[in-house]
Amino acid sequence: MAIELPDDLLALERAAWEEIQAGRLTADTAAAVQEAVTAHAEQAGVDRYELEMALKKAVRHPED
């Protein structure tokens, strides 16, 4: 089963990834991503860990 990644979740992860690459990830950004991942996983009925891994792969390795 493919995990759907809504645009707002992708945007949050992209912002966090940009901050990580710049060496300036904030606790607020990290918390916002985790809260959104948890909420979406619960709403979609998918494993939070699998959702987070799919999200990171989509943002950090889009060519795969």
N, C-alpha and C. Protein backbone atom coordinates (compact mmCIF):
# COMPACT_ATOMS: atom_id res chain seq x y z
N MET A 1 0.84 -1.19 0.00
CA MET A 1 0.00 0.00 0.00
C MET A 1 0.88 1.25 0.00
N ALA A 2 0.65 2.12 -0.94
CA ALA A 2 1.39 3.38 -1.01
C ALA A 2 0.83 4.35 0.02
N ILE A 3 1.71 5.07 0.66
CA ILE A 3 1.30 6.05 1.66
C ILE A 3 1.15 7.40 0.96
N GLU A 4 -0.02 8.00 1.12
CA GLU A 4 -0.24 9.32 0.53
C GLU A 4 0.39 10.38 1.41
N LEU A 5 1.06 11.31 0.76
CA LEU A 5 1.74 12.39 1.46
C LEU A 5 1.11 13.71 1.03
N PRO A 6 0.32 14.33 1.90
CA PRO A 6 -0.32 15.59 1.53
C PRO A 6 0.71 16.72 1.38
N ASP A 7 0.34 17.70 0.57
CA ASP A 7 1.23 18.82 0.28
C ASP A 7 1.70 19.55 1.53
N ASP A 8 0.82 19.72 2.52
CA ASP A 8 1.23 20.45 3.72
C ASP A 8 2.30 19.70 4.51
N LEU A 9 2.20 18.38 4.52
CA LEU A 9 3.19 17.56 5.21
C LEU A 9 4.53 17.61 4.46
N LEU A 10 4.47 17.53 3.15
CA LEU A 10 5.69 17.65 2.34
C LEU A 10 6.35 19.01 2.54
N ALA A 11 5.56 20.07 2.61
CA ALA A 11 6.11 21.41 2.80
C ALA A 11 6.82 21.53 4.16
N LEU A 12 6.22 20.96 5.19
CA LEU A 12 6.85 20.99 6.52
C LEU A 12 8.19 20.25 6.50
N GLU A 13 8.20 19.07 5.89
CA GLU A 13 9.44 18.29 5.85
C GLU A 13 10.49 18.99 5.00
N ARG A 14 10.08 19.62 3.90
CA ARG A 14 11.05 20.37 3.08
C ARG A 14 11.68 21.51 3.88
N ALA A 15 10.86 22.20 4.66
CA ALA A 15 11.37 23.30 5.49
C ALA A 15 12.37 22.76 6.52
N ALA A 16 12.02 21.64 7.14
CA ALA A 16 12.93 21.04 8.12
C ALA A 16 14.22 20.59 7.45
N TRP A 17 14.13 19.98 6.29
CA TRP A 17 15.32 19.51 5.58
C TRP A 17 16.22 20.68 5.19
N GLU A 18 15.63 21.78 4.76
CA GLU A 18 16.42 22.97 4.43
C GLU A 18 17.14 23.49 5.67
N GLU A 19 16.45 23.49 6.82
CA GLU A 19 17.07 23.94 8.06
C GLU A 19 18.20 22.99 8.48
N ILE A 20 17.99 21.69 8.32
CA ILE A 20 19.02 20.71 8.66
C ILE A 20 20.26 20.95 7.81
N GLN A 21 20.07 21.12 6.52
CA GLN A 21 21.20 21.32 5.62
C GLN A 21 21.95 22.62 5.92
N ALA A 22 21.23 23.62 6.40
CA ALA A 22 21.85 24.90 6.74
C ALA A 22 22.42 24.90 8.16
N GLY A 23 22.22 23.81 8.89
CA GLY A 23 22.72 23.71 10.26
C GLY A 23 21.95 24.56 11.24
N ARG A 24 20.65 24.79 10.95
CA ARG A 24 19.87 25.65 11.84
C ARG A 24 18.47 25.11 12.13
N LEU A 25 18.34 23.78 12.22
CA LEU A 25 17.04 23.19 12.56
C LEU A 25 16.63 23.64 13.95
N THR A 26 15.41 24.15 14.06
CA THR A 26 14.91 24.59 15.35
C THR A 26 14.02 23.52 15.97
N ALA A 27 13.90 23.57 17.27
CA ALA A 27 13.01 22.64 17.98
C ALA A 27 11.57 22.84 17.53
N ASP A 28 11.19 24.07 17.24
CA ASP A 28 9.82 24.35 16.79
C ASP A 28 9.52 23.68 15.45
N THR A 29 10.47 23.75 14.53
CA THR A 29 10.28 23.13 13.23
C THR A 29 10.21 21.62 13.38
N ALA A 30 11.12 21.05 14.13
CA ALA A 30 11.14 19.60 14.34
C ALA A 30 9.84 19.13 14.99
N ALA A 31 9.37 19.87 15.99
CA ALA A 31 8.12 19.50 16.68
C ALA A 31 6.92 19.61 15.74
N ALA A 32 6.92 20.62 14.90
CA ALA A 32 5.81 20.79 13.96
C ALA A 32 5.73 19.62 13.00
N VAL A 33 6.87 19.16 12.51
CA VAL A 33 6.89 18.01 11.61
C VAL A 33 6.40 16.77 12.34
N GLN A 34 6.90 16.53 13.53
CA GLN A 34 6.50 15.33 14.27
C GLN A 34 5.02 15.34 14.62
N GLU A 35 4.49 16.49 15.00
CA GLU A 35 3.06 16.58 15.31
C GLU A 35 2.22 16.32 14.07
N ALA A 36 2.64 16.87 12.93
CA ALA A 36 1.90 16.66 11.69
C ALA A 36 1.98 15.21 11.23
N VAL A 37 3.14 14.59 11.36
CA VAL A 37 3.30 13.19 10.98
C VAL A 37 2.41 12.31 11.86
N THR A 38 2.43 12.54 13.15
CA THR A 38 1.62 11.75 14.07
C THR A 38 0.13 11.92 13.77
N ALA A 39 -0.30 13.15 13.57
CA ALA A 39 -1.72 13.41 13.29
C ALA A 39 -2.14 12.76 11.98
N HIS A 40 -1.32 12.88 10.95
CA HIS A 40 -1.69 12.31 9.65
C HIS A 40 -1.70 10.78 9.73
N ALA A 41 -0.74 10.20 10.42
CA ALA A 41 -0.69 8.74 10.56
C ALA A 41 -1.95 8.23 11.25
N GLU A 42 -2.36 8.89 12.31
CA GLU A 42 -3.57 8.49 13.02
C GLU A 42 -4.80 8.63 12.13
N GLN A 43 -4.89 9.76 11.41
CA GLN A 43 -6.04 10.02 10.55
C GLN A 43 -6.11 9.03 9.39
N ALA A 44 -4.96 8.70 8.82
CA ALA A 44 -4.90 7.82 7.65
C ALA A 44 -4.87 6.34 8.03
N GLY A 45 -4.65 6.06 9.31
CA GLY A 45 -4.59 4.67 9.75
C GLY A 45 -3.34 3.95 9.27
N VAL A 46 -2.22 4.68 9.23
CA VAL A 46 -0.96 4.08 8.82
C VAL A 46 0.04 4.18 9.96
N ASP A 47 1.07 3.35 9.87
CA ASP A 47 2.12 3.36 10.88
C ASP A 47 2.89 4.67 10.81
N ARG A 48 3.06 5.34 11.94
CA ARG A 48 3.75 6.63 11.97
C ARG A 48 5.18 6.50 11.48
N TYR A 49 5.86 5.46 11.86
CA TYR A 49 7.25 5.26 11.44
C TYR A 49 7.34 5.11 9.92
N GLU A 50 6.46 4.30 9.33
CA GLU A 50 6.46 4.11 7.89
C GLU A 50 6.13 5.41 7.16
N LEU A 51 5.20 6.17 7.70
CA LEU A 51 4.85 7.46 7.11
C LEU A 51 6.05 8.40 7.14
N GLU A 52 6.73 8.47 8.28
CA GLU A 52 7.88 9.35 8.40
C GLU A 52 8.99 8.96 7.43
N MET A 53 9.23 7.66 7.29
CA MET A 53 10.27 7.21 6.36
C MET A 53 9.89 7.53 4.91
N ALA A 54 8.63 7.35 4.56
CA ALA A 54 8.18 7.68 3.20
C ALA A 54 8.31 9.18 2.95
N LEU A 55 8.00 9.98 3.95
CA LEU A 55 8.10 11.43 3.84
C LEU A 55 9.55 11.87 3.65
N LYS A 56 10.44 11.34 4.48
CA LYS A 56 11.85 11.69 4.36
C LYS A 56 12.41 11.26 3.00
N LYS A 57 12.03 10.08 2.53
CA LYS A 57 12.51 9.61 1.23
C LYS A 57 12.00 10.52 0.12
N ALA A 58 10.74 10.91 0.18
CA ALA A 58 10.16 11.76 -0.86
C ALA A 58 10.85 13.12 -0.93
N VAL A 59 11.23 13.65 0.23
CA VAL A 59 11.86 14.98 0.27
C VAL A 59 13.37 14.91 0.03
N ARG A 60 14.02 13.95 0.65
CA ARG A 60 15.49 13.90 0.58
C ARG A 60 16.03 13.13 -0.61
N HIS A 61 15.24 12.22 -1.16
CA HIS A 61 15.69 11.40 -2.29
C HIS A 61 14.58 11.28 -3.32
N PRO A 62 14.13 12.39 -3.88
CA PRO A 62 12.98 12.36 -4.79
C PRO A 62 13.22 11.58 -6.07
N GLU A 63 14.47 11.35 -6.44
CA GLU A 63 14.75 10.64 -7.68
C GLU A 63 14.55 9.13 -7.56
N ASP A 64 14.47 8.60 -6.34
CA ASP A 64 14.30 7.15 -6.14
C ASP A 64 12.94 6.67 -6.56
